[in-house]
Amino acid sequence: MSDTASAYVIGHIKIKDAAKWDEYRSRVPATLAPWGAELVLRGKLASVLAGDHPYSDTVVIRFPDLRAVNGWYASPAYQALIPLRAEAADLVLLGYEA
């Protein structure tokens, strides 16, 4: 077992262009593989039980550690997808240690 804590990226998403979003989603997994990341959840909002939440979709990605999260986000492979992501959706990406 590793001494480091797992880390997660959670994305809250409002889709602007479904076709571009589908293209972006199809290209993200290849950027995750070199970082040992695993897609845990891609889901559509079913209900807001408390508070305000303006996002329709959520993604949860598990990484081996926070170093991998930061490496993935800064990687040329992922950075190349950011313009497509910006056209496809408005989102918030959050990094968590567990």
Protein backbone atom coordinates (compact mmCIF):
# COMPACT_ATOMS: atom_id res chain seq x y z
CA MET A 1 0.00 0.00 0.00
CA SER A 2 1.22 3.50 -0.84
CA ASP A 3 2.14 6.09 1.82
CA THR A 4 0.51 8.82 -0.26
CA ALA A 5 -3.18 9.68 -0.21
CA SER A 6 -5.33 9.24 -3.28
CA ALA A 7 -6.49 12.43 -4.92
CA TYR A 8 -9.61 13.23 -6.90
CA VAL A 9 -10.66 15.72 -9.51
CA ILE A 10 -14.33 16.61 -9.37
CA GLY A 11 -15.83 18.59 -12.21
CA HIS A 12 -19.19 20.35 -12.16
CA ILE A 13 -20.34 20.99 -15.71
CA LYS A 14 -22.86 23.06 -17.69
CA ILE A 15 -22.84 21.86 -21.30
CA LYS A 16 -23.02 24.58 -23.97
CA ASP A 17 -22.43 22.48 -27.11
CA ALA A 18 -23.27 18.77 -26.86
CA ALA A 19 -21.31 17.71 -29.95
CA LYS A 20 -18.15 19.47 -28.79
CA TRP A 21 -18.64 18.11 -25.29
CA ASP A 22 -18.86 14.57 -26.68
CA GLU A 23 -15.63 15.14 -28.61
CA TYR A 24 -13.88 16.52 -25.52
CA ARG A 25 -15.08 13.61 -23.35
CA SER A 26 -13.85 11.09 -25.90
CA ARG A 27 -10.36 12.61 -25.86
CA VAL A 28 -9.85 13.00 -22.08
CA PRO A 29 -9.20 9.31 -21.21
CA ALA A 30 -5.97 9.24 -23.24
CA THR A 31 -4.69 12.18 -21.17
CA LEU A 32 -5.46 10.36 -17.91
CA ALA A 33 -3.70 7.06 -18.63
CA PRO A 34 -0.09 8.30 -18.19
CA TRP A 35 -1.00 9.59 -14.71
CA GLY A 36 -2.55 6.36 -13.41
CA ALA A 37 -5.96 8.02 -13.21
CA GLU A 38 -9.29 6.25 -13.24
CA LEU A 39 -12.66 7.67 -14.25
CA VAL A 40 -14.92 6.94 -11.26
CA LEU A 41 -18.15 8.67 -12.28
CA ARG A 42 -19.74 10.57 -15.11
CA GLY A 43 -23.25 11.49 -14.13
CA LYS A 44 -26.22 13.72 -14.83
CA LEU A 45 -27.73 15.65 -11.94
CA ALA A 46 -30.82 13.89 -10.60
CA SER A 47 -31.77 16.34 -7.84
CA VAL A 48 -30.45 19.13 -5.65
CA LEU A 49 -31.19 18.13 -2.08
CA ALA A 50 -29.89 21.33 -0.45
CA GLY A 51 -28.49 24.63 -1.66
CA ASP A 52 -27.95 25.93 -5.18
CA HIS A 53 -26.17 23.91 -7.84
CA PRO A 54 -26.40 25.28 -11.40
CA TYR A 55 -24.52 22.37 -13.05
CA SER A 56 -26.12 19.55 -15.04
CA ASP A 57 -23.27 17.03 -15.02
CA THR A 58 -20.50 15.85 -12.71
CA VAL A 59 -17.30 13.90 -13.25
CA VAL A 60 -15.10 12.26 -10.62
CA ILE A 61 -11.59 11.07 -11.50
CA ARG A 62 -9.31 9.24 -9.04
CA PHE A 63 -5.53 9.81 -9.19
CA PRO A 64 -2.78 8.08 -7.21
CA ASP A 65 -1.84 11.37 -5.51
CA LEU A 66 -2.02 15.15 -5.78
CA ARG A 67 1.24 15.25 -7.77
CA ALA A 68 -0.50 13.20 -10.48
CA VAL A 69 -3.51 15.57 -10.47
CA ASN A 70 -1.28 18.58 -10.99
CA GLY A 71 0.88 16.81 -13.56
CA TRP A 72 -2.16 15.72 -15.57
CA TYR A 73 -3.73 19.19 -15.55
CA ALA A 74 -0.47 20.87 -16.61
CA SER A 75 0.39 18.19 -19.20
CA PRO A 76 0.59 19.26 -22.85
CA ALA A 77 -1.94 16.54 -23.73
CA TYR A 78 -4.60 17.96 -21.42
CA GLN A 79 -3.74 21.61 -21.99
CA ALA A 80 -4.37 21.02 -25.72
CA LEU A 81 -7.99 20.09 -24.89
CA ILE A 82 -8.79 23.21 -22.87
CA PRO A 83 -9.86 25.36 -25.86
CA LEU A 84 -12.30 22.62 -26.93
CA ARG A 85 -13.52 22.28 -23.34
CA ALA A 86 -14.15 26.04 -23.15
CA GLU A 87 -16.27 25.92 -26.31
CA ALA A 88 -18.15 22.86 -25.10
CA ALA A 89 -18.99 23.70 -21.49
CA ASP A 90 -18.71 25.96 -18.50
CA LEU A 91 -17.24 24.06 -15.61
CA VAL A 92 -15.51 24.10 -12.28
CA LEU A 93 -12.67 21.60 -11.70
CA LEU A 94 -11.68 20.90 -8.10
CA GLY A 95 -8.82 18.85 -6.72
CA TYR A 96 -9.20 16.91 -3.46
CA GLU A 97 -6.89 14.76 -1.35
CA ALA A 98 -8.48 11.76 0.35
